[in-house]
Amino acid sequence: MPVPLLHSLPLVVIAIVALLTYFLAKNRQRPAQYRLGEPWTEGVVLWSAVDDIGHSGGHGRVDVVGKAVSGEW
């Protein structure tokens, strides 16, 4: 296989994937877009600015790589 053809192969693959994504996404059904002033017909949506404070998700002690800082090199 010639080198220029081999080097352009990734560009061809990316172009094919991009075109397929563009044309397949164009035909999919999307929900109607909500505009301000229209009544809200969906369920309640609750948003929070902060996460709940709770368990950190870890188990046991956290091991630190490199131990601690010291003045000796």
PDB file of N, CA and C in Angstrom:
ATOM      1  N   MET A   1       0.855  -1.170   0.000  1.00  0.00           N
ATOM      2  CA  MET A   1       0.000   0.000   0.000  1.00  0.00           C
ATOM      3  C   MET A   1       0.906   1.239   0.000  1.00  0.00           C
ATOM      4  N   PRO A   2       0.684   2.192  -0.910  1.00  0.00           N
ATOM      5  CA  PRO A   2       1.526   3.397  -0.960  1.00  0.00           C
ATOM      6  C   PRO A   2       1.392   4.230   0.317  1.00  0.00           C
ATOM      7  N   VAL A   3       2.470   4.891   0.694  1.00  0.00           N
ATOM      8  CA  VAL A   3       2.519   5.660   1.937  1.00  0.00           C
ATOM      9  C   VAL A   3       1.506   6.804   1.953  1.00  0.00           C
ATOM     10  N   PRO A   4       1.364   7.626   0.881  1.00  0.00           N
ATOM     11  CA  PRO A   4       0.365   8.708   0.938  1.00  0.00           C
ATOM     12  C   PRO A   4      -1.058   8.191   1.151  1.00  0.00           C
ATOM     13  N   LEU A   5      -1.368   7.062   0.546  1.00  0.00           N
ATOM     14  CA  LEU A   5      -2.696   6.477   0.730  1.00  0.00           C
ATOM     15  C   LEU A   5      -2.877   6.008   2.165  1.00  0.00           C
ATOM     16  N   LEU A   6      -1.841   5.435   2.726  1.00  0.00           N
ATOM     17  CA  LEU A   6      -1.895   4.962   4.106  1.00  0.00           C
ATOM     18  C   LEU A   6      -2.044   6.126   5.083  1.00  0.00           C
ATOM     19  N   HIS A   7      -1.405   7.250   4.797  1.00  0.00           N
ATOM     20  CA  HIS A   7      -1.481   8.410   5.679  1.00  0.00           C
ATOM     21  C   HIS A   7      -2.815   9.134   5.558  1.00  0.00           C
ATOM     22  N   SER A   8      -3.481   9.037   4.418  1.00  0.00           N
ATOM     23  CA  SER A   8      -4.770   9.715   4.253  1.00  0.00           C
ATOM     24  C   SER A   8      -5.934   8.847   4.711  1.00  0.00           C
ATOM     25  N   LEU A   9      -5.686   7.605   5.027  1.00  0.00           N
ATOM     26  CA  LEU A   9      -6.752   6.699   5.453  1.00  0.00           C
ATOM     27  C   LEU A   9      -7.478   7.183   6.708  1.00  0.00           C
ATOM     28  N   PRO A  10      -6.806   7.681   7.753  1.00  0.00           N
ATOM     29  CA  PRO A  10      -7.547   8.195   8.915  1.00  0.00           C
ATOM     30  C   PRO A  10      -8.468   9.362   8.564  1.00  0.00           C
ATOM     31  N   LEU A  11      -8.047  10.232   7.655  1.00  0.00           N
ATOM     32  CA  LEU A  11      -8.900  11.347   7.246  1.00  0.00           C
ATOM     33  C   LEU A  11     -10.150  10.854   6.531  1.00  0.00           C
ATOM     34  N   VAL A  12     -10.003   9.831   5.715  1.00  0.00           N
ATOM     35  CA  VAL A  12     -11.151   9.265   5.003  1.00  0.00           C
ATOM     36  C   VAL A  12     -12.125   8.634   5.993  1.00  0.00           C
ATOM     37  N   VAL A  13     -11.618   7.914   6.966  1.00  0.00           N
ATOM     38  CA  VAL A  13     -12.478   7.280   7.970  1.00  0.00           C
ATOM     39  C   VAL A  13     -13.211   8.341   8.786  1.00  0.00           C
ATOM     40  N   ILE A  14     -12.524   9.396   9.193  1.00  0.00           N
ATOM     41  CA  ILE A  14     -13.157  10.472   9.957  1.00  0.00           C
ATOM     42  C   ILE A  14     -14.225  11.164   9.127  1.00  0.00           C
ATOM     43  N   ALA A  15     -13.959  11.390   7.840  1.00  0.00           N
ATOM     44  CA  ALA A  15     -14.943  12.032   6.970  1.00  0.00           C
ATOM     45  C   ALA A  15     -16.183  11.164   6.804  1.00  0.00           C
ATOM     46  N   ILE A  16     -16.009   9.864   6.663  1.00  0.00           N
ATOM     47  CA  ILE A  16     -17.155   8.957   6.523  1.00  0.00           C
ATOM     48  C   ILE A  16     -17.990   8.958   7.795  1.00  0.00           C
ATOM     49  N   VAL A  17     -17.345   8.883   8.950  1.00  0.00           N
ATOM     50  CA  VAL A  17     -18.075   8.898  10.223  1.00  0.00           C
ATOM     51  C   VAL A  17     -18.806  10.224  10.401  1.00  0.00           C
ATOM     52  N   ALA A  18     -18.174  11.332  10.038  1.00  0.00           N
ATOM     53  CA  ALA A  18     -18.816  12.642  10.167  1.00  0.00           C
ATOM     54  C   ALA A  18     -20.038  12.747   9.261  1.00  0.00           C
ATOM     55  N   LEU A  19     -19.928  12.287   8.027  1.00  0.00           N
ATOM     56  CA  LEU A  19     -21.065  12.347   7.104  1.00  0.00           C
ATOM     57  C   LEU A  19     -22.206  11.446   7.563  1.00  0.00           C
ATOM     58  N   LEU A  20     -21.881  10.248   8.022  1.00  0.00           N
ATOM     59  CA  LEU A  20     -22.928   9.352   8.525  1.00  0.00           C
ATOM     60  C   LEU A  20     -23.618   9.957   9.737  1.00  0.00           C
ATOM     61  N   THR A  21     -22.849  10.544  10.637  1.00  0.00           N
ATOM     62  CA  THR A  21     -23.431  11.177  11.819  1.00  0.00           C
ATOM     63  C   THR A  21     -24.345  12.326  11.424  1.00  0.00           C
ATOM     64  N   TYR A  22     -23.920  13.136  10.474  1.00  0.00           N
ATOM     65  CA  TYR A  22     -24.714  14.289  10.043  1.00  0.00           C
ATOM     66  C   TYR A  22     -26.033  13.844   9.419  1.00  0.00           C
ATOM     67  N   PHE A  23     -25.980  12.892   8.502  1.00  0.00           N
ATOM     68  CA  PHE A  23     -27.196  12.493   7.794  1.00  0.00           C
ATOM     69  C   PHE A  23     -28.126  11.642   8.654  1.00  0.00           C
ATOM     70  N   LEU A  24     -27.580  10.820   9.537  1.00  0.00           N
ATOM     71  CA  LEU A  24     -28.436  10.003  10.399  1.00  0.00           C
ATOM     72  C   LEU A  24     -29.071  10.843  11.499  1.00  0.00           C
ATOM     73  N   ALA A  25     -28.368  11.850  11.999  1.00  0.00           N
ATOM     74  CA  ALA A  25     -28.920  12.707  13.049  1.00  0.00           C
ATOM     75  C   ALA A  25     -29.975  13.650  12.489  1.00  0.00           C
ATOM     76  N   LYS A  26     -29.915  13.943  11.203  1.00  0.00           N
ATOM     77  CA  LYS A  26     -30.867  14.852  10.583  1.00  0.00           C
ATOM     78  C   LYS A  26     -32.267  14.242  10.543  1.00  0.00           C
ATOM     79  N   ASN A  27     -32.360  12.940  10.467  1.00  0.00           N
ATOM     80  CA  ASN A  27     -33.647  12.268  10.306  1.00  0.00           C
ATOM     81  C   ASN A  27     -34.280  11.813  11.609  1.00  0.00           C
ATOM     82  N   ARG A  28     -33.587  11.940  12.727  1.00  0.00           N
ATOM     83  CA  ARG A  28     -34.162  11.437  13.976  1.00  0.00           C
ATOM     84  C   ARG A  28     -35.220  12.397  14.510  1.00  0.00           C
ATOM     85  N   GLN A  29     -36.145  11.847  15.283  1.00  0.00           N
ATOM     86  CA  GLN A  29     -37.210  12.664  15.852  1.00  0.00           C
ATOM     87  C   GLN A  29     -36.708  13.357  17.110  1.00  0.00           C
ATOM     88  N   ARG A  30     -37.047  14.619  17.234  1.00  0.00           N
ATOM     89  CA  ARG A  30     -36.651  15.397  18.404  1.00  0.00           C
ATOM     90  C   ARG A  30     -37.899  15.906  19.095  1.00  0.00           C
ATOM     91  N   PRO A  31     -37.856  16.045  20.406  1.00  0.00           N
ATOM     92  CA  PRO A  31     -39.012  16.616  21.103  1.00  0.00           C
ATOM     93  C   PRO A  31     -39.181  18.086  20.722  1.00  0.00           C
ATOM     94  N   ALA A  32     -40.399  18.565  20.855  1.00  0.00           N
ATOM     95  CA  ALA A  32     -40.668  19.966  20.539  1.00  0.00           C
ATOM     96  C   ALA A  32     -39.894  20.868  21.491  1.00  0.00           C
ATOM     97  N   GLN A  33     -39.371  21.956  20.979  1.00  0.00           N
ATOM     98  CA  GLN A  33     -38.574  22.865  21.791  1.00  0.00           C
ATOM     99  C   GLN A  33     -39.487  23.752  22.625  1.00  0.00           C
ATOM    100  N   TYR A  34     -39.155  23.888  23.905  1.00  0.00           N
ATOM    101  CA  TYR A  34     -39.940  24.727  24.806  1.00  0.00           C
ATOM    102  C   TYR A  34     -39.549  26.180  24.607  1.00  0.00           C
ATOM    103  N   ARG A  35     -40.528  27.046  24.536  1.00  0.00           N
ATOM    104  CA  ARG A  35     -40.303  28.490  24.412  1.00  0.00           C
ATOM    105  C   ARG A  35     -40.906  29.185  25.626  1.00  0.00           C
ATOM    106  N   LEU A  36     -40.258  30.238  26.081  1.00  0.00           N
ATOM    107  CA  LEU A  36     -40.787  30.994  27.207  1.00  0.00           C
ATOM    108  C   LEU A  36     -42.167  31.531  26.857  1.00  0.00           C
ATOM    109  N   GLY A  37     -43.063  31.483  27.808  1.00  0.00           N
ATOM    110  CA  GLY A  37     -44.426  31.949  27.583  1.00  0.00           C
ATOM    111  C   GLY A  37     -45.391  30.809  27.313  1.00  0.00           C
ATOM    112  N   GLU A  38     -44.882  29.655  26.876  1.00  0.00           N
ATOM    113  CA  GLU A  38     -45.737  28.484  26.671  1.00  0.00           C
ATOM    114  C   GLU A  38     -45.948  27.798  28.015  1.00  0.00           C
ATOM    115  N   PRO A  39     -47.086  27.145  28.210  1.00  0.00           N
ATOM    116  CA  PRO A  39     -47.283  26.409  29.466  1.00  0.00           C
ATOM    117  C   PRO A  39     -46.370  25.180  29.514  1.00  0.00           C
ATOM    118  N   TRP A  40     -45.900  24.871  30.727  1.00  0.00           N
ATOM    119  CA  TRP A  40     -45.035  23.708  30.922  1.00  0.00           C
ATOM    120  C   TRP A  40     -45.916  22.484  31.081  1.00  0.00           C
ATOM    121  N   THR A  41     -45.791  21.511  30.187  1.00  0.00           N
ATOM    122  CA  THR A  41     -46.667  20.336  30.202  1.00  0.00           C
ATOM    123  C   THR A  41     -45.984  19.099  30.766  1.00  0.00           C
ATOM    124  N   GLU A  42     -44.700  19.177  31.047  1.00  0.00           N
ATOM    125  CA  GLU A  42     -43.972  18.022  31.569  1.00  0.00           C
ATOM    126  C   GLU A  42     -44.057  17.990  33.086  1.00  0.00           C
ATOM    127  N   GLY A  43     -43.462  16.958  33.677  1.00  0.00           N
ATOM    128  CA  GLY A  43     -43.450  16.833  35.131  1.00  0.00           C
ATOM    129  C   GLY A  43     -42.543  17.864  35.777  1.00  0.00           C
ATOM    130  N   VAL A  44     -42.536  17.860  37.098  1.00  0.00           N
ATOM    131  CA  VAL A  44     -41.738  18.810  37.864  1.00  0.00           C
ATOM    132  C   VAL A  44     -40.261  18.466  37.713  1.00  0.00           C
ATOM    133  N   VAL A  45     -39.438  19.483  37.523  1.00  0.00           N
ATOM    134  CA  VAL A  45     -37.995  19.315  37.432  1.00  0.00           C
ATOM    135  C   VAL A  45     -37.371  20.083  38.584  1.00  0.00           C
ATOM    136  N   LEU A  46     -36.644  19.385  39.447  1.00  0.00           N
ATOM    137  CA  LEU A  46     -36.007  20.025  40.595  1.00  0.00           C
ATOM    138  C   LEU A  46     -34.507  20.115  40.348  1.00  0.00           C
ATOM    139  N   TRP A  47     -33.968  21.314  40.453  1.00  0.00           N
ATOM    140  CA  TRP A  47     -32.543  21.534  40.279  1.00  0.00           C
ATOM    141  C   TRP A  47     -31.955  22.007  41.600  1.00  0.00           C
ATOM    142  N   SER A  48     -30.734  21.589  41.882  1.00  0.00           N
ATOM    143  CA  SER A  48     -30.059  22.004  43.100  1.00  0.00           C
ATOM    144  C   SER A  48     -28.709  22.598  42.732  1.00  0.00           C
ATOM    145  N   ALA A  49     -28.358  23.692  43.390  1.00  0.00           N
ATOM    146  CA  ALA A  49     -27.080  24.336  43.101  1.00  0.00           C
ATOM    147  C   ALA A  49     -25.922  23.606  43.761  1.00  0.00           C
ATOM    148  N   VAL A  50     -26.189  22.839  44.808  1.00  0.00           N
ATOM    149  CA  VAL A  50     -25.132  22.123  45.509  1.00  0.00           C
ATOM    150  C   VAL A  50     -25.532  20.664  45.665  1.00  0.00           C
ATOM    151  N   ASP A  51     -24.530  19.810  45.766  1.00  0.00           N
ATOM    152  CA  ASP A  51     -24.791  18.396  46.001  1.00  0.00           C
ATOM    153  C   ASP A  51     -25.094  18.165  47.473  1.00  0.00           C
ATOM    154  N   ASP A  52     -25.777  17.071  47.749  1.00  0.00           N
ATOM    155  CA  ASP A  52     -26.042  16.709  49.135  1.00  0.00           C
ATOM    156  C   ASP A  52     -24.732  16.348  49.824  1.00  0.00           C
ATOM    157  N   ILE A  53     -24.614  16.755  51.066  1.00  0.00           N
ATOM    158  CA  ILE A  53     -23.436  16.408  51.842  1.00  0.00           C
ATOM    159  C   ILE A  53     -23.695  15.047  52.459  1.00  0.00           C
ATOM    160  N   GLY A  54     -22.817  14.122  52.203  1.00  0.00           N
ATOM    161  CA  GLY A  54     -23.024  12.781  52.715  1.00  0.00           C
ATOM    162  C   GLY A  54     -21.733  11.998  52.683  1.00  0.00           C
ATOM    163  N   HIS A  55     -21.863  10.725  52.527  1.00  0.00           N
ATOM    164  CA  HIS A  55     -20.721   9.828  52.500  1.00  0.00           C
ATOM    165  C   HIS A  55     -19.831  10.174  51.315  1.00  0.00           C
ATOM    166  N   SER A  56     -18.517  10.150  51.530  1.00  0.00           N
ATOM    167  CA  SER A  56     -17.587  10.547  50.480  1.00  0.00           C
ATOM    168  C   SER A  56     -17.417   9.486  49.404  1.00  0.00           C
ATOM    169  N   GLY A  57     -17.917   8.300  49.618  1.00  0.00           N
ATOM    170  CA  GLY A  57     -17.817   7.264  48.602  1.00  0.00           C
ATOM    171  C   GLY A  57     -16.587   6.396  48.716  1.00  0.00           C
ATOM    172  N   GLY A  58     -15.677   6.733  49.602  1.00  0.00           N
ATOM    173  CA  GLY A  58     -14.469   5.941  49.743  1.00  0.00           C
ATOM    174  C   GLY A  58     -14.602   4.924  50.863  1.00  0.00           C
ATOM    175  N   HIS A  59     -13.740   3.938  50.846  1.00  0.00           N
ATOM    176  CA  HIS A  59     -13.734   2.927  51.896  1.00  0.00           C
ATOM    177  C   HIS A  59     -12.347   2.899  52.506  1.00  0.00           C
ATOM    178  N   GLY A  60     -12.280   3.132  53.789  1.00  0.00           N
ATOM    179  CA  GLY A  60     -11.004   3.033  54.470  1.00  0.00           C
ATOM    180  C   GLY A  60     -10.124   4.246  54.249  1.00  0.00           C
ATOM    181  N   ARG A  61      -8.840   4.028  54.420  1.00  0.00           N
ATOM    182  CA  ARG A  61      -7.856   5.094  54.377  1.00  0.00           C
ATOM    183  C   ARG A  61      -7.406   5.346  52.937  1.00  0.00           C
ATOM    184  N   VAL A  62      -7.113   6.605  52.631  1.00  0.00           N
ATOM    185  CA  VAL A  62      -6.598   6.953  51.311  1.00  0.00           C
ATOM    186  C   VAL A  62      -5.090   6.825  51.337  1.00  0.00           C
ATOM    187  N   ASP A  63      -4.518   6.024  50.446  1.00  0.00           N
ATOM    188  CA  ASP A  63      -3.071   5.874  50.359  1.00  0.00           C
ATOM    189  C   ASP A  63      -2.517   6.934  49.421  1.00  0.00           C
ATOM    190  N   VAL A  64      -1.506   7.639  49.896  1.00  0.00           N
ATOM    191  CA  VAL A  64      -0.891   8.689  49.105  1.00  0.00           C
ATOM    192  C   VAL A  64       0.388   8.140  48.497  1.00  0.00           C
ATOM    193  N   VAL A  65       0.567   8.339  47.213  1.00  0.00           N
ATOM    194  CA  VAL A  65       1.776   7.883  46.546  1.00  0.00           C
ATOM    195  C   VAL A  65       2.906   8.843  46.890  1.00  0.00           C
ATOM    196  N   GLY A  66       4.041   8.318  47.283  1.00  0.00           N
ATOM    197  CA  GLY A  66       5.184   9.166  47.590  1.00  0.00           C
ATOM    198  C   GLY A  66       5.291   9.520  49.058  1.00  0.00           C
ATOM    199  N   LYS A  67       4.411   9.024  49.875  1.00  0.00           N
ATOM    200  CA  LYS A  67       4.415   9.245  51.323  1.00  0.00           C
ATOM    201  C   LYS A  67       4.297  10.716  51.652  1.00  0.00           C
ATOM    202  N   ALA A  68       5.293  11.321  52.291  1.00  0.00           N
ATOM    203  CA  ALA A  68       5.187  12.707  52.746  1.00  0.00           C
ATOM    204  C   ALA A  68       6.379  13.505  52.241  1.00  0.00           C
ATOM    205  N   VAL A  69       6.295  14.804  52.387  1.00  0.00           N
ATOM    206  CA  VAL A  69       7.370  15.687  51.953  1.00  0.00           C
ATOM    207  C   VAL A  69       8.389  15.801  53.073  1.00  0.00           C
ATOM    208  N   SER A  70       9.662  15.748  52.716  1.00  0.00           N
ATOM    209  CA  SER A  70      10.714  15.947  53.706  1.00  0.00           C
ATOM    210  C   SER A  70      11.787  16.834  53.099  1.00  0.00           C
ATOM    211  N   GLY A  71      12.676  17.329  53.950  1.00  0.00           N
ATOM    212  CA  GLY A  71      13.735  18.217  53.481  1.00  0.00           C
ATOM    213  C   GLY A  71      14.919  17.485  52.889  1.00  0.00           C
ATOM    214  N   GLU A  72      14.924  16.174  52.905  1.00  0.00           N
ATOM    215  CA  GLU A  72      16.057  15.407  52.398  1.00  0.00           C
ATOM    216  C   GLU A  72      15.771  14.954  50.970  1.00  0.00           C
ATOM    217  N   TRP A  73      16.817  15.032  50.125  1.00  0.00           N
ATOM    218  CA  TRP A  73      16.643  14.621  48.728  1.00  0.00           C
ATOM    219  C   TRP A  73      17.414  13.386  48.466  1.00  0.00           C
TER     220      TRP A  73
END
